[in-house]
Amino acid sequence: MSISLSPNTTAILLLTAPLITGHANSSTEALTTGEYKRLSRCLNDLRLQPADLLSNQQHQVPEACRAAIDTDRLERLLARGFLLSQVVDRWQTRGIYVVSQYDDVYPVRLKQRLGEDAPPVLYGSGDIAALETGGLAVVGSRNVDADLIEYAEDIGRLAARSGQTLVSGGARGIDRSAMRGALESGGKVVGVLADSLERMVMNREHRNALMEGELSLFSPYDPNAGFNVGHAMQRNKLIYALSDAAIVVSSDYQKGGTWAGAVEQLDRLRFVPIYVRSESSGEPGITALMKKGALPWPNPKDADAFVDLLAARSYPAREIVVQDQLSFVAEASAGSAYGAKSVYMEDQMALCSSTDEQAKNPADELFAKVRELLERIDGPKTDAEIAELLGVTKAQAKDWLDRLVKAGVMQNSRKPVRYFAEPKKQQSLFE
């Protein structure tokens, strides 16, 4: 699979990537995650994109962003075009491509669930569409006995027979065992790696699976980067964000990446239900995760039971969903492209409307907030521009706009179609 490098992705790589051409780092001054977030927010406030920094030979940084970021450093990073071209050539010869949050093919699931914390770029090999298929995440310890290896392989085989994607981290032990079981049974596997994507891609055992679309490998880190404990910890949330449910086959107690990732999901993020191996014989790590809310794995016996298990994923309480939705829409008034919560509007609205029928319809609550914001829009704007401001799909924005036009709150011009509020109500959406 080949994906062309977009201007925005080019700019983000120049700013954030170490651009490792071999075993040594080529740059040690690339922006950290926090630094890039600050710059991204500043550009969003100015209604600019990273590619706008490349629009002139001087790589001018907007004046409004200079107080937060060392502009001399930014200009040095943006001037690494020749080095980037060399590294991109190396990636392409190995079948590796790069996408950024500004590309249409970037996984929507990561934007929805991680919001501003979604990786600015993803390096990948294989079918990127696989990242939108959900499935079961299988995680566990590296050092395990033969029985647990077989257990993980069996789960992978069942996922394959059920036509469900298996998501894991590619580490030795449980991760690779589950992935191997799925691939050997003709299933689809997504591997989210913490290091050495290039090495995994070049592995002869993986080449056919990658080319045939059975295996897709991705990483938010440079393809030639070595192992880093921090990277492994951060990678875990991507595994959960891409899945519909997860099972922890084994875990140390209060240490290690498997434990940290599962606890983060149970205590804070709650993207998906977390299951644990039910035949754990009182293992301290598994027992502690169950006390935190993990569920015993019901050991589905056939494909139908497995599919039903993934389809029955749990969600947060209605009150939390509505609060997150309204918080997200309010984020649009600050000009954030993705919002701190970045909740997927249509999915969550459908979810809310199916719960607590006696309460006020949460979709109406959300629409009322959208109406309040759009009454102050600085227009006229297209439906696509409004969708971007609100951080929702174009179809969702169009539906809201049509309702507001019928209600007389908004007006629309023809050829080209633009939407604007009644003159007496116009003021900046970003106030």
Protein backbone atom coordinates (compact mmCIF):
# COMPACT_ATOMS: atom_id res chain seq x y z
CA MET A 1 0.00 0.00 0.00
CA SER A 2 1.36 3.41 -0.97
CA ILE A 3 0.21 6.74 0.50
CA SER A 4 1.64 10.03 -0.72
CA LEU A 5 3.10 12.39 1.83
CA SER A 6 0.72 15.33 2.21
CA PRO A 7 1.99 18.89 2.88
CA ASN A 8 0.64 18.81 6.44
CA THR A 9 2.27 15.45 7.14
CA THR A 10 5.53 16.77 5.68
CA ALA A 11 5.45 19.76 8.03
CA ILE A 12 4.62 17.66 11.09
CA LEU A 13 7.46 15.24 10.31
CA LEU A 14 9.91 18.11 9.97
CA LEU A 15 8.80 19.46 13.34
CA THR A 16 8.46 16.27 15.39
CA ALA A 17 10.33 13.35 13.82
CA PRO A 18 13.91 12.45 14.74
CA LEU A 19 14.44 11.38 11.09
CA ILE A 20 16.64 8.44 11.92
CA THR A 21 18.52 7.27 8.82
CA GLY A 22 20.42 4.44 10.47
CA HIS A 23 21.25 3.44 14.01
CA ALA A 24 22.07 6.97 15.15
CA ASN A 25 19.65 9.79 15.78
CA SER A 26 19.82 12.45 13.09
CA SER A 27 18.18 15.12 15.23
CA THR A 28 17.86 15.62 18.96
CA GLU A 29 15.88 18.87 18.89
CA ALA A 30 12.60 17.72 17.37
CA LEU A 31 9.54 19.04 19.20
CA THR A 32 8.27 16.98 22.10
CA THR A 33 4.64 15.92 22.25
CA GLY A 34 3.82 18.78 24.61
CA GLU A 35 5.63 21.34 22.48
CA TYR A 36 3.85 20.23 19.33
CA LYS A 37 0.47 20.42 21.11
CA ARG A 38 1.15 24.04 22.07
CA LEU A 39 2.11 24.91 18.51
CA SER A 40 -0.90 23.06 17.10
CA ARG A 41 -3.27 24.94 19.41
CA CYS A 42 -1.73 28.23 18.38
CA LEU A 43 -2.11 27.41 14.69
CA ASN A 44 -5.72 26.30 15.27
CA ASP A 45 -6.47 29.60 16.98
CA LEU A 46 -5.13 31.38 13.89
CA ARG A 47 -7.05 29.01 11.59
CA LEU A 48 -3.79 27.78 10.13
CA GLN A 49 -2.42 24.30 9.49
CA PRO A 50 1.15 22.98 9.80
CA ALA A 51 1.57 23.17 6.02
CA ASP A 52 1.15 26.94 6.23
CA LEU A 53 4.55 27.09 7.92
CA LEU A 54 6.07 25.82 4.65
CA SER A 55 4.32 28.34 2.45
CA ASN A 56 7.38 30.58 2.13
CA GLN A 57 11.10 30.03 1.94
CA GLN A 58 11.76 31.82 5.22
CA HIS A 59 9.52 29.41 7.17
CA GLN A 60 7.96 32.30 9.02
CA VAL A 61 6.38 31.42 12.35
CA PRO A 62 3.23 33.46 13.15
CA GLU A 63 3.93 36.22 15.63
CA ALA A 64 1.22 34.94 17.97
CA CYS A 65 3.09 31.61 18.35
CA ARG A 66 6.53 33.02 19.03
CA ALA A 67 6.06 33.49 22.76
CA ALA A 68 5.37 29.78 23.33
CA ILE A 69 7.89 28.20 20.93
CA ASP A 70 11.55 28.93 20.18
CA THR A 71 11.19 30.19 16.62
CA ASP A 72 14.88 29.75 15.74
CA ARG A 73 14.55 26.08 16.64
CA LEU A 74 11.36 25.76 14.60
CA GLU A 75 13.01 27.31 11.58
CA ARG A 76 15.95 24.89 11.85
CA LEU A 77 13.56 21.96 12.00
CA LEU A 78 11.51 23.16 9.04
CA ALA A 79 14.73 23.50 7.01
CA ARG A 80 15.42 19.73 7.19
CA GLY A 81 13.74 19.06 3.86
CA PHE A 82 16.72 17.27 2.26
CA LEU A 83 17.16 14.98 5.27
CA LEU A 84 13.44 14.19 5.25
CA SER A 85 13.55 13.26 1.55
CA GLN A 86 16.35 10.78 2.26
CA VAL A 87 14.46 9.18 5.13
CA VAL A 88 11.21 9.01 3.17
CA ASP A 89 13.02 7.21 0.34
CA ARG A 90 14.29 4.68 2.89
CA TRP A 91 10.78 4.16 4.27
CA GLN A 92 9.21 3.77 0.86
CA THR A 93 11.69 1.11 -0.24
CA ARG A 94 10.64 -0.86 2.85
CA GLY A 95 6.92 -0.46 2.25
CA ILE A 96 6.39 2.05 5.08
CA TYR A 97 4.11 5.06 4.70
CA VAL A 98 3.22 7.98 6.99
CA VAL A 99 -0.12 9.68 7.67
CA SER A 100 -1.01 12.58 9.94
CA GLN A 101 -4.16 13.74 11.70
CA TYR A 102 -4.86 16.04 8.75
CA ASP A 103 -5.09 13.13 6.28
CA ASP A 104 -8.45 11.58 5.44
CA VAL A 105 -7.09 8.06 5.98
CA TYR A 106 -5.93 8.76 9.54
CA PRO A 107 -7.91 6.43 11.86
CA VAL A 108 -11.08 8.14 13.02
CA ARG A 109 -11.13 5.92 16.10
CA LEU A 110 -7.95 7.52 17.41
CA LYS A 111 -9.31 11.04 16.91
CA GLN A 112 -12.58 10.10 18.58
CA ARG A 113 -11.14 8.45 21.63
CA LEU A 114 -7.81 10.19 22.15
CA GLY A 115 -8.68 13.65 20.88
CA GLU A 116 -5.72 15.98 21.29
CA ASP A 117 -3.61 13.06 22.55
CA ALA A 118 -3.92 11.16 19.26
CA PRO A 119 -0.43 10.77 17.71
CA PRO A 120 0.32 13.61 15.26
CA VAL A 121 1.67 11.05 12.79
CA LEU A 122 1.43 7.29 12.31
CA TYR A 123 3.97 5.15 10.48
CA GLY A 124 2.49 2.07 8.93
CA SER A 125 2.74 -0.91 6.62
CA GLY A 126 -0.21 -2.92 5.38
CA ASP A 127 -3.86 -1.98 5.04
CA ILE A 128 -4.57 1.19 7.03
CA ALA A 129 -8.33 0.55 6.75
CA ALA A 130 -7.83 -2.31 9.24
CA LEU A 131 -7.46 0.28 11.99
CA GLU A 132 -11.15 1.13 11.65
CA THR A 133 -12.42 -2.45 12.05
CA GLY A 134 -12.36 -2.68 15.85
CA GLY A 135 -12.02 -6.21 17.16
CA LEU A 136 -10.44 -7.72 20.25
CA ALA A 137 -7.28 -6.42 21.89
CA VAL A 138 -5.15 -9.14 23.47
CA VAL A 139 -2.39 -8.08 25.85
CA GLY A 140 -0.22 -9.74 28.45
CA SER A 141 3.20 -10.34 29.90
CA ARG A 142 6.32 -11.14 27.92
CA ASN A 143 7.58 -13.98 30.10
CA VAL A 144 4.89 -16.65 30.30
CA ASP A 145 4.72 -20.43 30.28
CA ALA A 146 3.66 -22.71 27.44
CA ASP A 147 0.07 -23.01 28.68
CA LEU A 148 -0.51 -19.27 28.40
CA ILE A 149 1.13 -19.21 24.97
CA GLU A 150 -1.39 -21.80 23.81
CA TYR A 151 -4.22 -19.91 25.53
CA ALA A 152 -3.35 -16.73 23.65
CA GLU A 153 -3.03 -18.60 20.36
CA ASP A 154 -6.48 -20.12 20.89
CA ILE A 155 -7.99 -16.65 21.34
CA GLY A 156 -6.32 -15.55 18.12
CA ARG A 157 -7.71 -18.56 16.28
CA LEU A 158 -11.22 -17.88 17.57
CA ALA A 159 -10.99 -14.24 16.49
CA ALA A 160 -10.01 -15.40 13.00
CA ARG A 161 -12.88 -17.90 12.78
CA SER A 162 -15.25 -15.15 13.92
CA GLY A 163 -14.09 -12.74 11.22
CA GLN A 164 -12.96 -10.24 13.88
CA THR A 165 -9.70 -8.29 13.85
CA LEU A 166 -7.18 -9.06 16.55
CA VAL A 167 -5.28 -6.05 17.93
CA SER A 168 -2.08 -6.39 19.93
CA GLY A 169 1.31 -4.86 20.59
CA GLY A 170 3.72 -7.20 18.84
CA ALA A 171 5.80 -7.88 21.96
CA ARG A 172 7.09 -11.38 22.62
CA GLY A 173 4.98 -13.58 24.84
CA ILE A 174 1.21 -13.09 24.88
CA ASP A 175 1.05 -10.42 22.15
CA ARG A 176 2.87 -12.36 19.47
CA SER A 177 1.21 -15.62 20.41
CA ALA A 178 -2.29 -14.21 19.92
CA MET A 179 -1.24 -12.56 16.65
CA ARG A 180 0.32 -15.78 15.41
CA GLY A 181 -2.82 -17.79 16.23
CA ALA A 182 -4.99 -15.35 14.27
CA LEU A 183 -2.69 -15.21 11.23
CA GLU A 184 -2.24 -18.97 11.05
CA SER A 185 -6.04 -19.29 10.96
CA GLY A 186 -6.43 -16.76 8.16
CA GLY A 187 -7.55 -13.85 10.34
CA LYS A 188 -6.72 -10.15 10.26
CA VAL A 189 -4.25 -8.67 12.72
CA VAL A 190 -3.34 -5.12 13.68
CA GLY A 191 -0.01 -4.75 15.45
CA VAL A 192 0.64 -1.45 17.24
CA LEU A 193 4.36 -1.37 17.90
CA ALA A 194 6.40 0.56 20.44
CA ASP A 195 9.67 0.16 18.53
CA SER A 196 11.40 -1.14 15.43
CA LEU A 197 8.60 -1.01 12.87
CA GLU A 198 11.24 -1.21 10.17
CA ARG A 199 12.66 -4.42 11.57
CA MET A 200 9.22 -6.01 11.87
CA VAL A 201 8.29 -5.00 8.33
CA MET A 202 11.52 -6.44 6.94
CA ASN A 203 10.96 -9.77 8.72
CA ARG A 204 10.49 -12.36 5.99
CA GLU A 205 7.72 -14.09 7.95
CA HIS A 206 5.63 -10.93 7.88
CA ARG A 207 6.04 -9.87 4.25
CA ASN A 208 3.37 -12.08 2.69
CA ALA A 209 0.83 -11.30 5.41
CA LEU A 210 1.46 -7.57 4.95
CA MET A 211 1.13 -7.74 1.17
CA GLU A 212 -2.03 -9.87 1.33
CA GLY A 213 -3.75 -7.50 3.77
CA GLU A 214 -3.86 -9.99 6.64
CA LEU A 215 -1.36 -8.10 8.80
CA SER A 216 -1.16 -4.35 9.37
CA LEU A 217 1.68 -2.89 11.44
CA PHE A 218 1.71 0.63 12.85
CA SER A 219 3.66 2.78 15.25
CA PRO A 220 3.56 6.40 16.40
CA TYR A 221 7.36 6.31 16.66
CA ASP A 222 10.13 6.56 14.10
CA PRO A 223 10.39 3.22 12.21
CA ASN A 224 14.03 2.81 13.20
CA ALA A 225 13.66 3.84 16.86
CA GLY A 226 14.79 1.40 19.53
CA PHE A 227 12.82 0.17 22.52
CA ASN A 228 11.79 2.77 25.07
CA VAL A 229 9.75 2.01 28.20
CA GLY A 230 7.85 5.28 27.87
CA HIS A 231 6.95 4.46 24.28
CA ALA A 232 5.64 1.06 25.33
CA MET A 233 3.45 2.63 28.01
CA GLN A 234 2.00 5.21 25.62
CA ARG A 235 1.47 2.63 22.89
CA ASN A 236 -0.93 0.69 25.13
CA LYS A 237 -3.67 3.31 24.94
CA LEU A 238 -3.59 3.06 21.13
CA ILE A 239 -4.24 -0.67 21.33
CA TYR A 240 -7.33 -0.12 23.47
CA ALA A 241 -8.51 2.84 21.39
CA LEU A 242 -8.52 0.71 18.23
CA SER A 243 -10.49 -2.18 19.71
CA ASP A 244 -14.05 -2.99 20.79
CA ALA A 245 -13.04 -5.02 23.85
CA ALA A 246 -9.82 -6.27 25.43
CA ILE A 247 -8.58 -9.26 27.36
CA VAL A 248 -5.59 -9.22 29.69
CA VAL A 249 -4.25 -12.77 29.60
CA SER A 250 -1.57 -12.18 32.24
CA SER A 251 -0.18 -9.24 34.18
CA ASP A 252 2.32 -8.46 36.88
CA TYR A 253 0.97 -6.73 39.97
CA GLN A 254 1.51 -2.96 40.10
CA LYS A 255 4.32 -3.00 37.55
CA GLY A 256 4.92 -3.38 33.83
CA GLY A 257 3.25 -2.04 30.74
CA THR A 258 0.35 -4.51 30.73
CA TRP A 259 -0.63 -3.52 34.27
CA ALA A 260 -0.23 0.22 33.64
CA GLY A 261 -2.26 0.13 30.42
CA ALA A 262 -5.12 -1.87 31.92
CA VAL A 263 -5.30 0.28 35.05
CA GLU A 264 -5.38 3.45 32.93
CA GLN A 265 -8.36 2.05 31.02
CA LEU A 266 -10.22 0.89 34.11
CA ASP A 267 -9.60 3.98 36.22
CA ARG A 268 -9.66 6.81 33.69
CA LEU A 269 -10.07 6.28 29.95
CA ARG A 270 -12.67 3.47 29.82
CA PHE A 271 -12.60 3.13 26.04
CA VAL A 272 -13.67 -0.52 26.08
CA PRO A 273 -14.64 -3.24 28.56
CA ILE A 274 -11.60 -5.00 29.99
CA TYR A 275 -11.70 -8.75 30.49
CA VAL A 276 -9.17 -10.92 32.29
CA ARG A 277 -8.39 -14.60 31.98
CA SER A 278 -10.92 -16.36 34.20
CA GLU A 279 -8.71 -19.39 34.96
CA SER A 280 -6.03 -17.28 36.65
CA SER A 281 -5.62 -19.32 39.85
CA GLY A 282 -5.53 -16.22 41.99
CA GLU A 283 -2.69 -14.44 40.18
CA PRO A 284 -2.14 -11.14 42.05
CA GLY A 285 -2.18 -8.97 38.92
CA ILE A 286 -5.36 -10.51 37.50
CA THR A 287 -7.11 -10.48 40.88
CA ALA A 288 -6.26 -6.81 41.40
CA LEU A 289 -7.58 -5.87 37.95
CA MET A 290 -10.88 -7.61 38.70
CA LYS A 291 -11.19 -5.57 41.90
CA LYS A 292 -10.79 -2.47 39.74
CA GLY A 293 -13.67 -3.53 37.51
CA ALA A 294 -12.24 -5.95 34.96
CA LEU A 295 -14.61 -8.73 33.95
CA PRO A 296 -13.86 -12.47 33.85
CA TRP A 297 -13.43 -13.66 30.27
CA PRO A 298 -16.52 -15.80 29.51
CA ASN A 299 -14.58 -18.15 27.21
CA PRO A 300 -16.88 -18.00 24.17
CA LYS A 301 -16.98 -21.41 22.55
CA ASP A 302 -17.85 -20.49 18.98
CA ALA A 303 -17.79 -17.64 16.48
CA ASP A 304 -21.35 -16.47 17.23
CA ALA A 305 -20.66 -16.18 20.94
CA PHE A 306 -17.42 -14.31 20.23
CA VAL A 307 -19.14 -11.80 17.93
CA ASP A 308 -21.93 -11.27 20.47
CA LEU A 309 -19.35 -10.61 23.16
CA LEU A 310 -17.69 -7.84 21.17
CA ALA A 311 -21.05 -6.36 20.16
CA ALA A 312 -22.13 -6.11 23.79
CA ARG A 313 -19.41 -3.62 24.72
CA SER A 314 -20.33 -1.30 27.59
CA TYR A 315 -20.38 2.49 27.58
CA PRO A 316 -20.18 5.22 30.22
CA ALA A 317 -23.27 6.28 32.10
CA ARG A 318 -25.64 8.62 30.26
CA GLU A 319 -24.76 11.60 32.45
CA ILE A 320 -21.06 11.27 31.62
CA VAL A 321 -21.73 10.94 27.89
CA VAL A 322 -23.88 14.07 27.75
CA GLN A 323 -21.38 16.06 29.79
CA ASP A 324 -18.55 14.99 27.48
CA GLN A 325 -20.60 15.85 24.38
CA LEU A 326 -21.45 19.34 25.57
CA SER A 327 -17.88 19.93 26.74
CA PHE A 328 -16.64 18.92 23.32
CA VAL A 329 -18.95 21.27 21.43
CA ALA A 330 -17.94 24.09 23.75
CA GLU A 331 -14.32 23.34 22.85
CA ALA A 332 -15.12 24.43 19.30
CA SER A 333 -15.63 27.98 20.52
CA ALA A 334 -11.96 28.00 21.50
CA GLY A 335 -10.95 27.02 17.96
CA SER A 336 -9.67 23.53 18.84
CA ALA A 337 -9.59 21.30 15.76
CA TYR A 338 -10.06 18.10 17.71
CA GLY A 339 -11.23 19.17 21.17
CA ALA A 340 -10.04 17.83 24.51
CA LYS A 341 -12.66 15.09 24.50
CA SER A 342 -13.27 14.85 20.74
CA VAL A 343 -16.32 12.64 21.27
CA TYR A 344 -17.75 11.04 18.15
CA MET A 345 -21.03 12.88 17.90
CA GLU A 346 -23.19 10.58 15.86
CA ASP A 347 -22.21 7.40 17.71
CA GLN A 348 -22.62 8.96 21.14
CA MET A 349 -25.90 10.67 20.25
CA ALA A 350 -27.36 7.39 19.09
CA LEU A 351 -26.09 5.76 22.26
CA CYS A 352 -27.54 8.42 24.55
CA SER A 353 -30.93 8.43 22.88
CA SER A 354 -31.24 4.71 23.58
CA THR A 355 -30.66 5.13 27.34
CA ASP A 356 -32.70 6.66 30.15
CA GLU A 357 -35.84 7.33 28.09
CA GLN A 358 -37.48 9.23 30.95
CA ALA A 359 -34.72 11.87 31.02
CA LYS A 360 -34.51 14.82 28.67
CA ASN A 361 -33.33 13.68 25.24
CA PRO A 362 -29.53 14.19 25.25
CA ALA A 363 -29.54 14.72 21.48
CA ASP A 364 -31.82 17.73 22.07
CA GLU A 365 -29.46 19.00 24.77
CA LEU A 366 -26.57 18.71 22.37
CA PHE A 367 -28.49 20.40 19.54
CA ALA A 368 -29.42 23.29 21.83
CA LYS A 369 -25.75 23.86 22.61
CA VAL A 370 -24.84 23.70 18.91
CA ARG A 371 -27.60 26.20 18.14
CA GLU A 372 -26.23 28.57 20.79
CA LEU A 373 -22.76 28.42 19.27
CA LEU A 374 -23.87 28.76 15.66
CA GLU A 375 -26.04 31.77 16.46
CA ARG A 376 -22.74 33.55 17.13
CA ILE A 377 -20.96 32.29 14.03
CA ASP A 378 -18.64 34.65 12.20
CA GLY A 379 -19.93 33.84 8.72
CA PRO A 380 -20.86 33.12 6.09
CA LYS A 381 -19.35 29.62 6.07
CA THR A 382 -19.80 26.37 4.17
CA ASP A 383 -21.10 23.24 5.85
CA ALA A 384 -17.58 21.79 5.59
CA GLU A 385 -16.10 24.78 7.41
CA ILE A 386 -18.70 24.54 10.16
CA ALA A 387 -18.10 20.79 10.47
CA GLU A 388 -14.40 21.49 10.97
CA LEU A 389 -15.09 24.16 13.59
CA LEU A 390 -17.35 21.82 15.55
CA GLY A 391 -15.13 18.77 15.03
CA VAL A 392 -17.92 16.61 13.59
CA THR A 393 -18.61 14.94 10.27
CA LYS A 394 -19.88 17.02 7.36
CA ALA A 395 -23.11 14.99 7.31
CA GLN A 396 -23.78 15.77 10.97
CA ALA A 397 -23.07 19.48 10.46
CA LYS A 398 -25.38 19.55 7.41
CA ASP A 399 -28.20 17.94 9.39
CA TRP A 400 -27.90 20.52 12.18
CA LEU A 401 -27.71 23.39 9.68
CA ASP A 402 -30.81 22.23 7.80
CA ARG A 403 -32.74 22.12 11.08
CA LEU A 404 -31.55 25.60 12.03
CA VAL A 405 -32.50 27.01 8.62
CA LYS A 406 -36.00 25.56 8.96
CA ALA A 407 -36.23 27.08 12.43
CA GLY A 408 -35.24 30.50 11.09
CA VAL A 409 -32.11 30.66 13.22
CA MET A 410 -29.74 30.39 10.26
CA GLN A 411 -29.92 31.57 6.68
CA ASN A 412 -28.22 30.14 3.63
CA SER A 413 -27.15 31.68 0.36
CA ARG A 414 -27.17 29.87 -2.96
CA LYS A 415 -24.40 29.29 -5.49
CA PRO A 416 -22.20 28.83 -3.58
CA VAL A 417 -24.06 27.62 -0.50
CA ARG A 418 -23.01 29.50 2.63
CA TYR A 419 -24.61 29.58 6.07
CA PHE A 420 -24.85 32.56 8.39
CA ALA A 421 -26.83 33.61 11.44
CA GLU A 422 -29.41 36.36 11.58
CA PRO A 423 -27.51 39.71 11.45
CA LYS A 424 -28.59 40.76 14.93
CA LYS A 425 -27.08 37.59 16.39
CA GLN A 426 -23.77 37.54 14.54
CA GLN A 427 -20.62 37.54 16.57
CA SER A 428 -17.43 35.53 16.57
CA LEU A 429 -17.70 31.82 17.21
CA PHE A 430 -14.29 32.06 18.86
CA GLU A 431 -15.16 34.70 21.44
